[in-house]
């Protein structure tokens, strides 16, 4: 458990540094950084899961599919944040725009819950229910760190 906590802190530190680096990076540099974060996350998950070789053979393809679907949600969230930031900077956040943005946030959050629900049987088909729950816990903790960082950098609507 100590390793998981330390790993989550290290991953969070990487995530916190990314916004500072983003401004000075080329597209290829950003892709390298994205791949590094992806590898770091996979290492954190691997350490937390402690899979046997047989479990790993089934787990990692499900993990990769989950990450691909999560990436789609992250893209939606990124577009939403950009839309909010544009309106905030231009001081054009109307009631209608705020309502639409709030509804989209809720849709994204619900989609993430639905995705976890859809992946649970896939996970329990390849690892025990305890390990499936552990993976969802690890994923939830990582997401909490990322969401905290995002929330910290997004000003409240005015």
N, C-alpha and C. Protein backbone atom coordinates (compact mmCIF):
# COMPACT_ATOMS: atom_id res chain seq x y z
N UNK A 1 0.82 -1.19 0.00
CA UNK A 1 0.00 0.00 0.00
C UNK A 1 0.87 1.26 0.00
N UNK A 2 2.01 1.21 0.69
CA UNK A 2 2.92 2.37 0.68
C UNK A 2 3.40 2.66 -0.73
N UNK A 3 3.71 1.57 -1.48
CA UNK A 3 4.18 1.76 -2.85
C UNK A 3 3.11 2.43 -3.69
N UNK A 4 1.86 2.00 -3.52
CA UNK A 4 0.77 2.57 -4.29
C UNK A 4 0.63 4.05 -3.99
N UNK A 5 0.69 4.42 -2.71
CA UNK A 5 0.58 5.82 -2.33
C UNK A 5 1.73 6.63 -2.92
N UNK A 6 2.94 6.11 -2.83
CA UNK A 6 4.10 6.80 -3.39
C UNK A 6 3.99 6.89 -4.91
N UNK A 7 3.52 5.82 -5.53
CA UNK A 7 3.38 5.82 -6.98
C UNK A 7 2.33 6.82 -7.43
N UNK A 8 1.21 6.88 -6.71
CA UNK A 8 0.17 7.86 -7.05
C UNK A 8 0.69 9.28 -6.90
N UNK A 9 1.48 9.52 -5.86
CA UNK A 9 2.06 10.85 -5.68
C UNK A 9 3.02 11.19 -6.81
N UNK A 10 3.82 10.21 -7.22
CA UNK A 10 4.75 10.44 -8.33
C UNK A 10 3.99 10.71 -9.62
N UNK A 11 2.95 9.93 -9.87
CA UNK A 11 2.13 10.13 -11.06
C UNK A 11 1.47 11.50 -11.01
N UNK A 12 0.97 11.88 -9.85
CA UNK A 12 0.35 13.19 -9.69
C UNK A 12 1.36 14.30 -9.95
N UNK A 13 2.58 14.12 -9.47
CA UNK A 13 3.62 15.12 -9.72
C UNK A 13 3.87 15.28 -11.21
N UNK A 14 3.89 14.17 -11.93
CA UNK A 14 4.07 14.23 -13.38
C UNK A 14 2.92 14.99 -14.02
N UNK A 15 1.71 14.72 -13.57
CA UNK A 15 0.53 15.37 -14.13
C UNK A 15 0.55 16.86 -13.82
N UNK A 16 1.01 17.22 -12.64
CA UNK A 16 1.06 18.63 -12.27
C UNK A 16 2.08 19.39 -13.10
N UNK A 17 3.12 18.72 -13.52
CA UNK A 17 4.17 19.36 -14.31
C UNK A 17 3.73 19.54 -15.76
N UNK A 18 2.87 18.67 -16.24
CA UNK A 18 2.48 18.69 -17.65
C UNK A 18 1.95 20.05 -18.10
N UNK A 19 1.02 20.70 -17.37
CA UNK A 19 0.53 21.98 -17.86
C UNK A 19 1.63 23.02 -18.03
N UNK A 20 2.64 22.97 -17.19
CA UNK A 20 3.75 23.92 -17.29
C UNK A 20 4.59 23.63 -18.53
N UNK A 21 4.74 22.37 -18.85
CA UNK A 21 5.57 21.98 -19.98
C UNK A 21 4.82 22.15 -21.29
N UNK A 22 3.51 22.00 -21.26
CA UNK A 22 2.70 21.99 -22.47
C UNK A 22 2.95 23.21 -23.34
N UNK A 23 3.08 24.36 -22.74
CA UNK A 23 3.21 25.58 -23.51
C UNK A 23 4.46 25.60 -24.37
N UNK A 24 5.50 24.89 -23.99
CA UNK A 24 6.77 24.95 -24.70
C UNK A 24 7.04 23.71 -25.56
N UNK A 25 6.06 22.85 -25.73
CA UNK A 25 6.30 21.59 -26.41
C UNK A 25 5.78 21.60 -27.84
N UNK A 26 6.46 20.87 -28.69
CA UNK A 26 5.96 20.61 -30.04
C UNK A 26 5.01 19.44 -29.96
N UNK A 27 4.31 19.17 -31.06
CA UNK A 27 3.36 18.05 -31.09
C UNK A 27 4.06 16.72 -30.80
N UNK A 28 5.25 16.52 -31.37
CA UNK A 28 5.95 15.25 -31.14
C UNK A 28 6.43 15.15 -29.69
N UNK A 29 6.86 16.26 -29.11
CA UNK A 29 7.26 16.25 -27.70
C UNK A 29 6.07 15.93 -26.81
N UNK A 30 4.91 16.47 -27.15
CA UNK A 30 3.70 16.20 -26.37
C UNK A 30 3.32 14.73 -26.46
N UNK A 31 3.49 14.13 -27.62
CA UNK A 31 3.17 12.70 -27.77
C UNK A 31 4.13 11.86 -26.93
N UNK A 32 5.38 12.23 -26.89
CA UNK A 32 6.36 11.52 -26.05
C UNK A 32 5.95 11.64 -24.58
N UNK A 33 5.58 12.83 -24.16
CA UNK A 33 5.15 13.05 -22.78
C UNK A 33 3.90 12.24 -22.46
N UNK A 34 2.95 12.22 -23.39
CA UNK A 34 1.72 11.45 -23.21
C UNK A 34 2.03 9.96 -23.04
N UNK A 35 2.94 9.46 -23.86
CA UNK A 35 3.32 8.05 -23.78
C UNK A 35 4.03 7.74 -22.46
N UNK A 36 4.83 8.68 -21.98
CA UNK A 36 5.52 8.51 -20.70
C UNK A 36 4.51 8.42 -19.56
N UNK A 37 3.54 9.32 -19.56
CA UNK A 37 2.51 9.29 -18.52
C UNK A 37 1.70 8.00 -18.59
N UNK A 38 1.41 7.56 -19.80
CA UNK A 38 0.66 6.31 -20.00
C UNK A 38 1.46 5.13 -19.43
N UNK A 39 2.75 5.10 -19.69
CA UNK A 39 3.61 4.02 -19.18
C UNK A 39 3.72 4.09 -17.66
N UNK A 40 3.83 5.30 -17.12
CA UNK A 40 3.91 5.46 -15.67
C UNK A 40 2.62 4.97 -15.00
N UNK A 41 1.49 5.29 -15.60
CA UNK A 41 0.21 4.84 -15.05
C UNK A 41 0.14 3.32 -15.09
N UNK A 42 0.56 2.74 -16.19
CA UNK A 42 0.52 1.28 -16.31
C UNK A 42 1.41 0.63 -15.26
N UNK A 43 2.54 1.23 -14.97
CA UNK A 43 3.44 0.71 -13.93
C UNK A 43 2.77 0.77 -12.56
N UNK A 44 2.10 1.88 -12.26
CA UNK A 44 1.38 2.02 -11.00
C UNK A 44 0.32 0.92 -10.89
N UNK A 45 -0.43 0.72 -11.96
CA UNK A 45 -1.48 -0.31 -11.97
C UNK A 45 -0.86 -1.69 -11.80
N UNK A 46 0.22 -1.96 -12.51
CA UNK A 46 0.87 -3.28 -12.42
C UNK A 46 1.33 -3.57 -10.99
N UNK A 47 1.92 -2.58 -10.35
CA UNK A 47 2.39 -2.76 -8.97
C UNK A 47 1.22 -3.01 -8.02
N UNK A 48 0.13 -2.29 -8.24
CA UNK A 48 -1.03 -2.43 -7.36
C UNK A 48 -1.75 -3.76 -7.57
N UNK A 49 -1.77 -4.24 -8.80
CA UNK A 49 -2.56 -5.43 -9.12
C UNK A 49 -1.87 -6.73 -8.72
N UNK A 50 -0.56 -6.79 -8.80
CA UNK A 50 0.19 -8.01 -8.44
C UNK A 50 -0.42 -9.24 -9.13
N UNK A 51 -0.43 -9.19 -10.45
CA UNK A 51 -1.05 -10.25 -11.25
C UNK A 51 -0.11 -11.42 -11.48
N UNK A 52 -0.68 -12.61 -11.51
CA UNK A 52 0.08 -13.78 -11.96
C UNK A 52 0.23 -13.67 -13.48
N UNK A 53 1.07 -14.49 -14.06
CA UNK A 53 1.24 -14.46 -15.52
C UNK A 53 -0.07 -14.76 -16.23
N UNK A 54 -0.81 -15.72 -15.71
CA UNK A 54 -2.09 -16.09 -16.32
C UNK A 54 -3.10 -14.94 -16.22
N UNK A 55 -3.16 -14.30 -15.06
CA UNK A 55 -4.06 -13.15 -14.90
C UNK A 55 -3.65 -12.00 -15.81
N UNK A 56 -2.36 -11.75 -15.88
CA UNK A 56 -1.85 -10.65 -16.70
C UNK A 56 -2.22 -10.83 -18.16
N UNK A 57 -2.16 -12.06 -18.64
CA UNK A 57 -2.49 -12.33 -20.05
C UNK A 57 -3.92 -11.92 -20.37
N UNK A 58 -4.82 -12.07 -19.43
CA UNK A 58 -6.20 -11.66 -19.66
C UNK A 58 -6.48 -10.22 -19.29
N UNK A 59 -5.79 -9.74 -18.25
CA UNK A 59 -6.07 -8.40 -17.72
C UNK A 59 -5.63 -7.28 -18.65
N UNK A 60 -4.40 -7.36 -19.17
CA UNK A 60 -3.85 -6.21 -19.90
C UNK A 60 -4.63 -5.85 -21.17
N UNK A 61 -5.16 -6.79 -21.92
CA UNK A 61 -6.01 -6.38 -23.06
C UNK A 61 -7.28 -5.64 -22.60
N UNK A 62 -7.87 -6.07 -21.49
CA UNK A 62 -9.05 -5.38 -20.96
C UNK A 62 -8.64 -3.98 -20.49
N UNK A 63 -7.50 -3.88 -19.82
CA UNK A 63 -6.97 -2.60 -19.36
C UNK A 63 -6.78 -1.64 -20.54
N UNK A 64 -6.17 -2.13 -21.61
CA UNK A 64 -5.91 -1.28 -22.78
C UNK A 64 -7.21 -0.81 -23.42
N UNK A 65 -8.21 -1.69 -23.49
CA UNK A 65 -9.51 -1.29 -24.04
C UNK A 65 -10.16 -0.24 -23.14
N UNK A 66 -10.06 -0.44 -21.84
CA UNK A 66 -10.61 0.52 -20.88
C UNK A 66 -9.93 1.88 -21.06
N UNK A 67 -8.61 1.87 -21.18
CA UNK A 67 -7.87 3.12 -21.36
C UNK A 67 -8.26 3.82 -22.65
N UNK A 68 -8.51 3.05 -23.71
CA UNK A 68 -8.94 3.65 -24.98
C UNK A 68 -10.29 4.33 -24.81
N UNK A 69 -11.22 3.66 -24.13
CA UNK A 69 -12.53 4.26 -23.90
C UNK A 69 -12.42 5.46 -22.96
N UNK A 70 -11.56 5.36 -21.97
CA UNK A 70 -11.34 6.48 -21.05
C UNK A 70 -10.74 7.67 -21.80
N UNK A 71 -9.89 7.38 -22.77
CA UNK A 71 -9.31 8.44 -23.59
C UNK A 71 -10.37 9.23 -24.33
N UNK A 72 -11.41 8.54 -24.79
CA UNK A 72 -12.52 9.23 -25.47
C UNK A 72 -13.23 10.18 -24.51
N UNK A 73 -13.44 9.71 -23.28
CA UNK A 73 -14.07 10.59 -22.28
C UNK A 73 -13.16 11.76 -21.95
N UNK A 74 -11.86 11.51 -21.87
CA UNK A 74 -10.91 12.59 -21.60
C UNK A 74 -10.92 13.63 -22.71
N UNK A 75 -11.08 13.17 -23.95
CA UNK A 75 -11.17 14.10 -25.08
C UNK A 75 -12.41 14.98 -24.93
N UNK A 76 -13.54 14.36 -24.60
CA UNK A 76 -14.77 15.14 -24.38
C UNK A 76 -14.57 16.15 -23.26
N UNK A 77 -13.94 15.71 -22.17
CA UNK A 77 -13.71 16.60 -21.03
C UNK A 77 -12.77 17.75 -21.43
N UNK A 78 -11.75 17.44 -22.19
CA UNK A 78 -10.83 18.48 -22.66
C UNK A 78 -11.53 19.51 -23.53
N UNK A 79 -12.42 19.05 -24.40
CA UNK A 79 -13.18 19.97 -25.25
C UNK A 79 -14.11 20.84 -24.40
N UNK A 80 -14.70 20.24 -23.39
CA UNK A 80 -15.59 20.98 -22.49
C UNK A 80 -14.80 22.06 -21.74
N UNK A 81 -13.65 21.69 -21.22
CA UNK A 81 -12.82 22.65 -20.49
C UNK A 81 -12.38 23.79 -21.41
N UNK A 82 -12.01 23.45 -22.63
CA UNK A 82 -11.61 24.48 -23.60
C UNK A 82 -12.77 25.43 -23.88
N UNK A 83 -13.95 24.88 -24.06
CA UNK A 83 -15.13 25.70 -24.32
C UNK A 83 -15.40 26.64 -23.14
N UNK A 84 -15.30 26.11 -21.93
CA UNK A 84 -15.50 26.94 -20.74
C UNK A 84 -14.41 28.01 -20.65
N UNK A 85 -13.16 27.62 -20.87
CA UNK A 85 -12.05 28.57 -20.77
C UNK A 85 -12.21 29.70 -21.78
N UNK A 86 -12.62 29.35 -23.01
CA UNK A 86 -12.83 30.38 -24.04
C UNK A 86 -13.90 31.37 -23.60
N UNK A 87 -15.02 30.85 -23.08
CA UNK A 87 -16.11 31.72 -22.64
C UNK A 87 -15.69 32.53 -21.41
N UNK A 88 -14.94 31.92 -20.52
CA UNK A 88 -14.49 32.62 -19.31
C UNK A 88 -13.55 33.77 -19.67
N UNK A 89 -12.57 33.47 -20.54
CA UNK A 89 -11.60 34.51 -20.93
C UNK A 89 -12.27 35.67 -21.67
N UNK A 90 -13.23 35.34 -22.52
CA UNK A 90 -13.91 36.37 -23.30
C UNK A 90 -15.04 37.02 -22.51
N UNK A 91 -15.26 36.54 -21.30
CA UNK A 91 -16.35 37.04 -20.44
C UNK A 91 -17.70 36.94 -21.15
N UNK A 92 -17.90 35.78 -21.80
CA UNK A 92 -19.14 35.55 -22.56
C UNK A 92 -19.90 34.33 -22.06
N UNK A 93 -19.74 33.99 -20.80
CA UNK A 93 -20.43 32.83 -20.25
C UNK A 93 -21.86 33.22 -19.89
N UNK A 94 -22.76 32.90 -20.79
CA UNK A 94 -24.17 33.21 -20.58
C UNK A 94 -24.82 32.11 -19.73
N UNK A 95 -26.03 32.38 -19.29
CA UNK A 95 -26.77 31.36 -18.54
C UNK A 95 -26.99 30.11 -19.39
N UNK A 96 -27.33 30.30 -20.65
CA UNK A 96 -27.56 29.16 -21.54
C UNK A 96 -26.28 28.35 -21.73
N UNK A 97 -25.16 29.03 -21.94
CA UNK A 97 -23.88 28.35 -22.12
C UNK A 97 -23.49 27.61 -20.83
N UNK A 98 -23.68 28.25 -19.68
CA UNK A 98 -23.36 27.62 -18.40
C UNK A 98 -24.23 26.38 -18.19
N UNK A 99 -25.50 26.46 -18.54
CA UNK A 99 -26.41 25.31 -18.41
C UNK A 99 -25.94 24.17 -19.30
N UNK A 100 -25.59 24.49 -20.54
CA UNK A 100 -25.13 23.45 -21.48
C UNK A 100 -23.84 22.80 -20.99
N UNK A 101 -22.92 23.60 -20.49
CA UNK A 101 -21.65 23.07 -19.97
C UNK A 101 -21.89 22.18 -18.76
N UNK A 102 -22.76 22.61 -17.86
CA UNK A 102 -23.06 21.82 -16.66
C UNK A 102 -23.70 20.49 -17.05
N UNK A 103 -24.60 20.51 -18.01
CA UNK A 103 -25.23 19.27 -18.47
C UNK A 103 -24.21 18.33 -19.10
N UNK A 104 -23.27 18.89 -19.85
CA UNK A 104 -22.24 18.05 -20.48
C UNK A 104 -21.31 17.43 -19.43
N UNK A 105 -20.98 18.18 -18.38
CA UNK A 105 -20.17 17.63 -17.28
C UNK A 105 -20.88 16.41 -16.69
N UNK A 106 -22.17 16.55 -16.43
CA UNK A 106 -22.93 15.44 -15.84
C UNK A 106 -22.99 14.24 -16.79
N UNK A 107 -23.12 14.50 -18.08
CA UNK A 107 -23.13 13.41 -19.07
C UNK A 107 -21.79 12.67 -19.08
N UNK A 108 -20.71 13.42 -19.01
CA UNK A 108 -19.37 12.80 -19.00
C UNK A 108 -19.18 11.98 -17.73
N UNK A 109 -19.58 12.53 -16.59
CA UNK A 109 -19.46 11.79 -15.33
C UNK A 109 -20.30 10.51 -15.36
N UNK A 110 -21.52 10.60 -15.91
CA UNK A 110 -22.37 9.41 -16.00
C UNK A 110 -21.77 8.40 -16.96
N UNK A 111 -21.19 8.88 -18.05
CA UNK A 111 -20.56 7.97 -19.02
C UNK A 111 -19.40 7.22 -18.37
N UNK A 112 -18.67 7.88 -17.49
CA UNK A 112 -17.57 7.21 -16.80
C UNK A 112 -18.09 6.12 -15.86
N UNK A 113 -19.15 6.41 -15.14
CA UNK A 113 -19.77 5.40 -14.26
C UNK A 113 -20.29 4.23 -15.10
N UNK A 114 -20.97 4.55 -16.20
CA UNK A 114 -21.50 3.50 -17.08
C UNK A 114 -20.37 2.64 -17.65
N UNK A 115 -19.25 3.27 -17.96
CA UNK A 115 -18.11 2.53 -18.50
C UNK A 115 -17.56 1.57 -17.46
N UNK A 116 -17.43 2.03 -16.23
CA UNK A 116 -16.95 1.14 -15.16
C UNK A 116 -17.89 -0.05 -14.99
N UNK A 117 -19.18 0.23 -15.03
CA UNK A 117 -20.18 -0.83 -14.89
C UNK A 117 -20.07 -1.83 -16.04
N UNK A 118 -19.83 -1.33 -17.24
CA UNK A 118 -19.70 -2.20 -18.42
C UNK A 118 -18.43 -3.04 -18.37
N UNK A 119 -17.38 -2.49 -17.79
CA UNK A 119 -16.10 -3.21 -17.75
C UNK A 119 -15.99 -4.18 -16.58
N UNK A 120 -16.81 -4.03 -15.57
CA UNK A 120 -16.71 -4.93 -14.42
C UNK A 120 -16.84 -6.40 -14.82
N UNK A 121 -17.84 -6.80 -15.62
CA UNK A 121 -17.90 -8.21 -16.02
C UNK A 121 -16.71 -8.64 -16.87
N UNK A 122 -16.17 -7.73 -17.66
CA UNK A 122 -14.99 -8.05 -18.47
C UNK A 122 -13.79 -8.31 -17.56
N UNK A 123 -13.68 -7.50 -16.52
CA UNK A 123 -12.59 -7.67 -15.56
C UNK A 123 -12.73 -8.96 -14.77
N UNK A 124 -13.94 -9.22 -14.28
CA UNK A 124 -14.14 -10.43 -13.47
C UNK A 124 -14.06 -11.70 -14.31
N UNK A 125 -14.11 -11.55 -15.62
CA UNK A 125 -13.92 -12.72 -16.49
C UNK A 125 -12.44 -13.12 -16.57
N UNK A 126 -11.54 -12.18 -16.24
CA UNK A 126 -10.11 -12.47 -16.38
C UNK A 126 -9.33 -12.43 -15.06
N UNK A 127 -9.91 -11.79 -14.03
CA UNK A 127 -9.30 -11.78 -12.70
C UNK A 127 -10.42 -11.96 -11.67
N UNK A 128 -10.04 -12.22 -10.44
CA UNK A 128 -11.03 -12.42 -9.38
C UNK A 128 -11.81 -11.12 -9.14
N UNK A 129 -13.00 -11.22 -8.57
CA UNK A 129 -13.74 -10.01 -8.22
C UNK A 129 -12.96 -9.08 -7.29
N UNK A 130 -12.15 -9.63 -6.41
CA UNK A 130 -11.33 -8.80 -5.52
C UNK A 130 -10.33 -7.99 -6.35
N UNK A 131 -9.67 -8.63 -7.30
CA UNK A 131 -8.70 -7.90 -8.12
C UNK A 131 -9.39 -6.94 -9.07
N UNK A 132 -10.57 -7.29 -9.55
CA UNK A 132 -11.34 -6.36 -10.39
C UNK A 132 -11.69 -5.11 -9.59
N UNK A 133 -12.14 -5.32 -8.35
CA UNK A 133 -12.46 -4.18 -7.48
C UNK A 133 -11.21 -3.36 -7.20
N UNK A 134 -10.08 -4.04 -6.99
CA UNK A 134 -8.82 -3.33 -6.74
C UNK A 134 -8.46 -2.45 -7.93
N UNK A 135 -8.61 -2.99 -9.14
CA UNK A 135 -8.30 -2.18 -10.32
C UNK A 135 -9.20 -0.95 -10.37
N UNK A 136 -10.49 -1.13 -10.15
CA UNK A 136 -11.39 0.02 -10.19
C UNK A 136 -11.03 1.03 -9.10
N UNK A 137 -10.58 0.55 -7.94
CA UNK A 137 -10.13 1.46 -6.88
C UNK A 137 -8.90 2.25 -7.32
N UNK A 138 -7.94 1.57 -7.89
CA UNK A 138 -6.71 2.24 -8.35
C UNK A 138 -7.06 3.27 -9.42
N UNK A 139 -7.88 2.87 -10.36
CA UNK A 139 -8.29 3.78 -11.43
C UNK A 139 -9.02 4.99 -10.85
N UNK A 140 -9.88 4.76 -9.87
CA UNK A 140 -10.62 5.85 -9.24
C UNK A 140 -9.68 6.80 -8.50
N UNK A 141 -8.68 6.26 -7.83
CA UNK A 141 -7.71 7.11 -7.12
C UNK A 141 -6.89 7.95 -8.10
N UNK A 142 -6.46 7.34 -9.18
CA UNK A 142 -5.70 8.08 -10.19
C UNK A 142 -6.57 9.19 -10.78
N UNK A 143 -7.82 8.85 -11.11
CA UNK A 143 -8.74 9.84 -11.67
C UNK A 143 -8.99 10.97 -10.67
N UNK A 144 -9.08 10.64 -9.39
CA UNK A 144 -9.32 11.67 -8.38
C UNK A 144 -8.17 12.67 -8.34
N UNK A 145 -6.94 12.17 -8.44
CA UNK A 145 -5.77 13.05 -8.47
C UNK A 145 -5.84 13.96 -9.69
N UNK A 146 -6.15 13.38 -10.84
CA UNK A 146 -6.22 14.17 -12.08
C UNK A 146 -7.35 15.19 -12.01
N UNK A 147 -8.51 14.77 -11.51
CA UNK A 147 -9.64 15.69 -11.42
C UNK A 147 -9.37 16.81 -10.42
N UNK A 148 -8.69 16.50 -9.34
CA UNK A 148 -8.34 17.53 -8.38
C UNK A 148 -7.44 18.58 -9.04
N UNK A 149 -6.45 18.11 -9.78
CA UNK A 149 -5.54 19.03 -10.47
C UNK A 149 -6.31 19.89 -11.46
N UNK A 150 -7.21 19.28 -12.22
CA UNK A 150 -8.01 20.05 -13.17
C UNK A 150 -8.86 21.09 -12.44
N UNK A 151 -9.55 20.65 -11.39
CA UNK A 151 -10.44 21.55 -10.65
C UNK A 151 -9.66 22.71 -10.05
N UNK A 152 -8.46 22.44 -9.58
CA UNK A 152 -7.64 23.48 -8.98
C UNK A 152 -7.27 24.57 -9.99
N UNK A 153 -7.16 24.19 -11.25
CA UNK A 153 -6.75 25.14 -12.27
C UNK A 153 -7.89 25.81 -13.02
N UNK A 154 -9.13 25.45 -12.70
CA UNK A 154 -10.27 26.01 -13.42
C UNK A 154 -10.99 26.99 -12.50
N UNK A 155 -11.06 28.26 -12.91
CA UNK A 155 -11.74 29.24 -12.06
C UNK A 155 -13.25 29.01 -12.01
N UNK A 156 -13.86 29.43 -10.92
CA UNK A 156 -15.31 29.32 -10.80
C UNK A 156 -16.00 30.25 -11.79
N UNK A 157 -17.17 29.83 -12.23
CA UNK A 157 -17.94 30.64 -13.18
C UNK A 157 -18.30 31.98 -12.54
N UNK A 158 -18.33 32.99 -13.40
CA UNK A 158 -18.72 34.32 -12.89
C UNK A 158 -19.75 34.94 -13.80
